[in-house]
Amino acid sequence: MSEVWERSADVLWRRTATGVVVLPNNCSTAVALVGLRAALWESLVRPLSVPAIAGTISSLLPDESDDSERIVGEGLLHLVAIGAVRESTD
């Protein structure tokens, strides 16, 4: 995954005591993000590539860079599936 990712523009979100809650525009149900997924969301204050995200949240990831990028990619796929993140248009 060499693309650049960003938060979807119309997502409402709030920090909570345990993570982040997002409400994508195309969904009527809020989704709680905790742990790695919350860290992924938080890291996307600006569009980033998978390696850049992995570097930003490295303390939550394994030491092996291939595993780190795979784990970040899987987390991003979840966030894309719920409508919270999209491939950057910039």
N, C-alpha and C. Protein backbone atom coordinates (compact mmCIF):
# COMPACT_ATOMS: atom_id res chain seq x y z
N MET A 1 0.84 -1.18 0.00
CA MET A 1 0.00 0.00 0.00
C MET A 1 0.89 1.25 0.00
N SER A 2 1.12 1.83 -1.15
CA SER A 2 1.95 3.02 -1.21
C SER A 2 1.12 4.29 -1.34
N GLU A 3 -0.19 4.14 -1.31
CA GLU A 3 -1.07 5.29 -1.43
C GLU A 3 -0.95 6.17 -0.20
N VAL A 4 -1.52 7.36 -0.33
CA VAL A 4 -1.59 8.30 0.80
C VAL A 4 -3.03 8.30 1.28
N TRP A 5 -3.21 8.24 2.59
CA TRP A 5 -4.52 8.10 3.20
C TRP A 5 -4.87 9.32 4.03
N GLU A 6 -6.16 9.63 4.12
CA GLU A 6 -6.62 10.76 4.91
C GLU A 6 -7.97 10.44 5.53
N ARG A 7 -8.34 11.22 6.52
CA ARG A 7 -9.67 11.08 7.11
C ARG A 7 -10.70 11.49 6.08
N SER A 8 -11.81 10.79 6.02
CA SER A 8 -12.92 11.19 5.15
C SER A 8 -13.43 12.54 5.63
N ALA A 9 -13.80 13.39 4.70
CA ALA A 9 -14.13 14.78 5.02
C ALA A 9 -15.35 14.95 5.91
N ASP A 10 -16.35 14.13 5.78
CA ASP A 10 -17.61 14.33 6.49
C ASP A 10 -17.78 13.45 7.72
N VAL A 11 -16.70 13.03 8.33
CA VAL A 11 -16.79 12.18 9.51
C VAL A 11 -16.84 13.05 10.76
N LEU A 12 -17.85 12.82 11.58
CA LEU A 12 -17.89 13.44 12.89
C LEU A 12 -17.11 12.53 13.84
N TRP A 13 -16.36 13.11 14.75
CA TRP A 13 -15.56 12.28 15.66
C TRP A 13 -15.30 13.02 16.96
N ARG A 14 -15.04 12.24 17.99
CA ARG A 14 -14.71 12.77 19.30
C ARG A 14 -13.75 11.82 20.00
N ARG A 15 -12.83 12.39 20.76
CA ARG A 15 -11.99 11.58 21.62
C ARG A 15 -12.82 11.14 22.83
N THR A 16 -12.52 9.96 23.32
CA THR A 16 -13.15 9.46 24.53
C THR A 16 -12.04 9.08 25.52
N ALA A 17 -12.42 8.63 26.67
CA ALA A 17 -11.44 8.21 27.66
C ALA A 17 -10.65 6.99 27.20
N THR A 18 -11.22 6.19 26.30
CA THR A 18 -10.56 4.96 25.87
C THR A 18 -10.15 4.95 24.40
N GLY A 19 -10.43 5.99 23.64
CA GLY A 19 -10.08 6.01 22.22
C GLY A 19 -10.77 7.13 21.49
N VAL A 20 -11.40 6.78 20.37
CA VAL A 20 -12.06 7.73 19.50
C VAL A 20 -13.38 7.11 19.04
N VAL A 21 -14.41 7.93 18.92
CA VAL A 21 -15.67 7.49 18.34
C VAL A 21 -15.85 8.26 17.04
N VAL A 22 -16.13 7.54 15.95
CA VAL A 22 -16.34 8.17 14.65
C VAL A 22 -17.76 7.88 14.17
N LEU A 23 -18.31 8.84 13.46
CA LEU A 23 -19.62 8.69 12.84
C LEU A 23 -19.49 9.11 11.38
N PRO A 24 -19.19 8.13 10.51
CA PRO A 24 -19.07 8.45 9.08
C PRO A 24 -20.39 8.95 8.51
N ASN A 25 -20.31 9.81 7.53
CA ASN A 25 -21.48 10.41 6.90
C ASN A 25 -22.43 9.37 6.30
N ASN A 26 -21.89 8.27 5.81
CA ASN A 26 -22.70 7.24 5.15
C ASN A 26 -23.23 6.19 6.12
N CYS A 27 -23.17 6.46 7.41
CA CYS A 27 -23.53 5.46 8.42
C CYS A 27 -24.38 6.10 9.50
N SER A 28 -25.32 5.35 10.03
CA SER A 28 -26.17 5.87 11.09
C SER A 28 -25.71 5.41 12.48
N THR A 29 -24.62 4.66 12.53
CA THR A 29 -24.13 4.14 13.79
C THR A 29 -22.69 4.60 14.03
N ALA A 30 -22.45 5.10 15.21
CA ALA A 30 -21.09 5.49 15.58
C ALA A 30 -20.25 4.24 15.82
N VAL A 31 -18.96 4.35 15.55
CA VAL A 31 -18.04 3.23 15.73
C VAL A 31 -16.95 3.66 16.70
N ALA A 32 -16.75 2.88 17.75
CA ALA A 32 -15.70 3.16 18.73
C ALA A 32 -14.39 2.56 18.22
N LEU A 33 -13.36 3.37 18.21
CA LEU A 33 -12.02 2.92 17.82
C LEU A 33 -11.15 2.95 19.07
N VAL A 34 -10.49 1.86 19.35
CA VAL A 34 -9.59 1.78 20.49
C VAL A 34 -8.26 1.22 20.03
N GLY A 35 -7.26 1.36 20.83
CA GLY A 35 -5.96 0.78 20.54
C GLY A 35 -5.37 1.27 19.23
N LEU A 36 -4.93 0.30 18.42
CA LEU A 36 -4.28 0.61 17.15
C LEU A 36 -5.17 1.42 16.22
N ARG A 37 -6.44 1.07 16.13
CA ARG A 37 -7.33 1.78 15.21
C ARG A 37 -7.53 3.23 15.65
N ALA A 38 -7.61 3.48 16.93
CA ALA A 38 -7.69 4.86 17.42
C ALA A 38 -6.40 5.60 17.10
N ALA A 39 -5.27 4.94 17.28
CA ALA A 39 -3.97 5.57 16.96
C ALA A 39 -3.86 5.88 15.47
N LEU A 40 -4.36 4.98 14.62
CA LEU A 40 -4.37 5.24 13.18
C LEU A 40 -5.16 6.51 12.87
N TRP A 41 -6.36 6.59 13.45
CA TRP A 41 -7.20 7.77 13.23
C TRP A 41 -6.48 9.03 13.69
N GLU A 42 -5.93 8.99 14.88
CA GLU A 42 -5.23 10.15 15.44
C GLU A 42 -4.03 10.55 14.58
N SER A 43 -3.36 9.57 13.98
CA SER A 43 -2.17 9.89 13.18
C SER A 43 -2.51 10.62 11.89
N LEU A 44 -3.76 10.52 11.46
CA LEU A 44 -4.15 11.10 10.17
C LEU A 44 -4.65 12.54 10.30
N VAL A 45 -3.92 13.36 11.05
CA VAL A 45 -4.26 14.78 11.11
C VAL A 45 -3.94 15.45 9.78
N ARG A 46 -3.10 14.79 9.00
CA ARG A 46 -2.81 15.20 7.62
C ARG A 46 -2.63 13.92 6.82
N PRO A 47 -2.77 13.97 5.51
CA PRO A 47 -2.62 12.76 4.69
C PRO A 47 -1.22 12.15 4.86
N LEU A 48 -1.19 10.82 5.01
CA LEU A 48 0.07 10.10 5.20
C LEU A 48 0.06 8.78 4.45
N SER A 49 1.25 8.31 4.11
CA SER A 49 1.42 6.98 3.52
C SER A 49 1.48 5.94 4.64
N VAL A 50 1.36 4.67 4.28
CA VAL A 50 1.44 3.60 5.27
C VAL A 50 2.78 3.63 6.01
N PRO A 51 3.93 3.76 5.33
CA PRO A 51 5.19 3.82 6.08
C PRO A 51 5.25 5.01 7.05
N ALA A 52 4.70 6.15 6.64
CA ALA A 52 4.71 7.32 7.53
C ALA A 52 3.81 7.09 8.74
N ILE A 53 2.65 6.47 8.53
CA ILE A 53 1.77 6.15 9.65
C ILE A 53 2.47 5.17 10.59
N ALA A 54 3.10 4.15 10.03
CA ALA A 54 3.81 3.16 10.85
C ALA A 54 4.89 3.84 11.69
N GLY A 55 5.57 4.80 11.12
CA GLY A 55 6.58 5.54 11.89
C GLY A 55 5.98 6.36 13.00
N THR A 56 4.81 6.93 12.74
CA THR A 56 4.14 7.77 13.73
C THR A 56 3.65 6.97 14.93
N ILE A 57 3.17 5.77 14.69
CA ILE A 57 2.60 4.95 15.79
C ILE A 57 3.49 3.75 16.10
N SER A 58 4.77 3.88 15.86
CA SER A 58 5.70 2.75 15.99
C SER A 58 5.70 2.10 17.36
N SER A 59 5.40 2.84 18.40
CA SER A 59 5.42 2.24 19.74
C SER A 59 4.32 1.19 19.92
N LEU A 60 3.31 1.20 19.06
CA LEU A 60 2.22 0.23 19.14
C LEU A 60 2.41 -0.96 18.20
N LEU A 61 3.50 -0.95 17.43
CA LEU A 61 3.70 -1.95 16.38
C LEU A 61 4.91 -2.83 16.65
N PRO A 62 4.97 -4.01 16.01
CA PRO A 62 6.15 -4.86 16.15
C PRO A 62 7.37 -4.19 15.52
N ASP A 63 8.54 -4.67 15.89
CA ASP A 63 9.79 -4.08 15.40
C ASP A 63 10.02 -4.30 13.91
N GLU A 64 9.53 -5.39 13.36
CA GLU A 64 9.74 -5.69 11.95
C GLU A 64 8.92 -4.75 11.08
N SER A 65 9.56 -4.00 10.18
CA SER A 65 8.85 -3.00 9.38
C SER A 65 7.81 -3.62 8.45
N ASP A 66 8.10 -4.82 7.90
CA ASP A 66 7.11 -5.47 7.03
C ASP A 66 5.83 -5.78 7.80
N ASP A 67 5.99 -6.31 9.01
CA ASP A 67 4.82 -6.61 9.83
C ASP A 67 4.10 -5.33 10.21
N SER A 68 4.84 -4.29 10.53
CA SER A 68 4.24 -3.01 10.92
C SER A 68 3.39 -2.45 9.80
N GLU A 69 3.92 -2.44 8.60
CA GLU A 69 3.18 -1.89 7.46
C GLU A 69 1.97 -2.76 7.12
N ARG A 70 2.09 -4.05 7.28
CA ARG A 70 0.95 -4.94 7.05
C ARG A 70 -0.15 -4.67 8.07
N ILE A 71 0.22 -4.52 9.32
CA ILE A 71 -0.75 -4.27 10.39
C ILE A 71 -1.42 -2.92 10.17
N VAL A 72 -0.65 -1.90 9.81
CA VAL A 72 -1.23 -0.58 9.51
C VAL A 72 -2.18 -0.69 8.33
N GLY A 73 -1.77 -1.41 7.29
CA GLY A 73 -2.63 -1.59 6.12
C GLY A 73 -3.95 -2.26 6.47
N GLU A 74 -3.90 -3.28 7.31
CA GLU A 74 -5.13 -3.95 7.74
C GLU A 74 -6.03 -3.01 8.54
N GLY A 75 -5.43 -2.22 9.42
CA GLY A 75 -6.20 -1.25 10.18
C GLY A 75 -6.83 -0.20 9.29
N LEU A 76 -6.09 0.25 8.29
CA LEU A 76 -6.63 1.23 7.34
C LEU A 76 -7.80 0.63 6.55
N LEU A 77 -7.67 -0.62 6.15
CA LEU A 77 -8.77 -1.26 5.41
C LEU A 77 -10.05 -1.27 6.24
N HIS A 78 -9.93 -1.50 7.54
CA HIS A 78 -11.11 -1.45 8.41
C HIS A 78 -11.70 -0.03 8.42
N LEU A 79 -10.84 0.97 8.56
CA LEU A 79 -11.32 2.36 8.60
C LEU A 79 -11.93 2.78 7.27
N VAL A 80 -11.39 2.27 6.16
CA VAL A 80 -11.98 2.53 4.84
C VAL A 80 -13.35 1.86 4.76
N ALA A 81 -13.44 0.63 5.23
CA ALA A 81 -14.70 -0.12 5.14
C ALA A 81 -15.83 0.56 5.91
N ILE A 82 -15.52 1.22 7.01
CA ILE A 82 -16.58 1.90 7.76
C ILE A 82 -16.82 3.33 7.28
N GLY A 83 -16.01 3.78 6.31
CA GLY A 83 -16.19 5.10 5.74
C GLY A 83 -15.48 6.22 6.47
N ALA A 84 -14.55 5.89 7.36
CA ALA A 84 -13.87 6.91 8.15
C ALA A 84 -12.61 7.44 7.47
N VAL A 85 -12.02 6.64 6.58
CA VAL A 85 -10.76 7.01 5.93
C VAL A 85 -10.90 6.72 4.45
N ARG A 86 -10.19 7.52 3.65
CA ARG A 86 -10.21 7.33 2.20
C ARG A 86 -8.81 7.59 1.65
N GLU A 87 -8.61 7.16 0.43
CA GLU A 87 -7.35 7.49 -0.25
C GLU A 87 -7.36 8.99 -0.52
N SER A 88 -6.21 9.62 -0.27
CA SER A 88 -6.13 11.08 -0.42
C SER A 88 -6.25 11.49 -1.88
N THR A 89 -6.93 12.60 -2.08
CA THR A 89 -7.09 13.13 -3.43
C THR A 89 -6.01 14.16 -3.75
N ASP A 90 -5.17 14.48 -2.81
CA ASP A 90 -4.08 15.47 -3.03
C ASP A 90 -2.88 14.84 -3.65
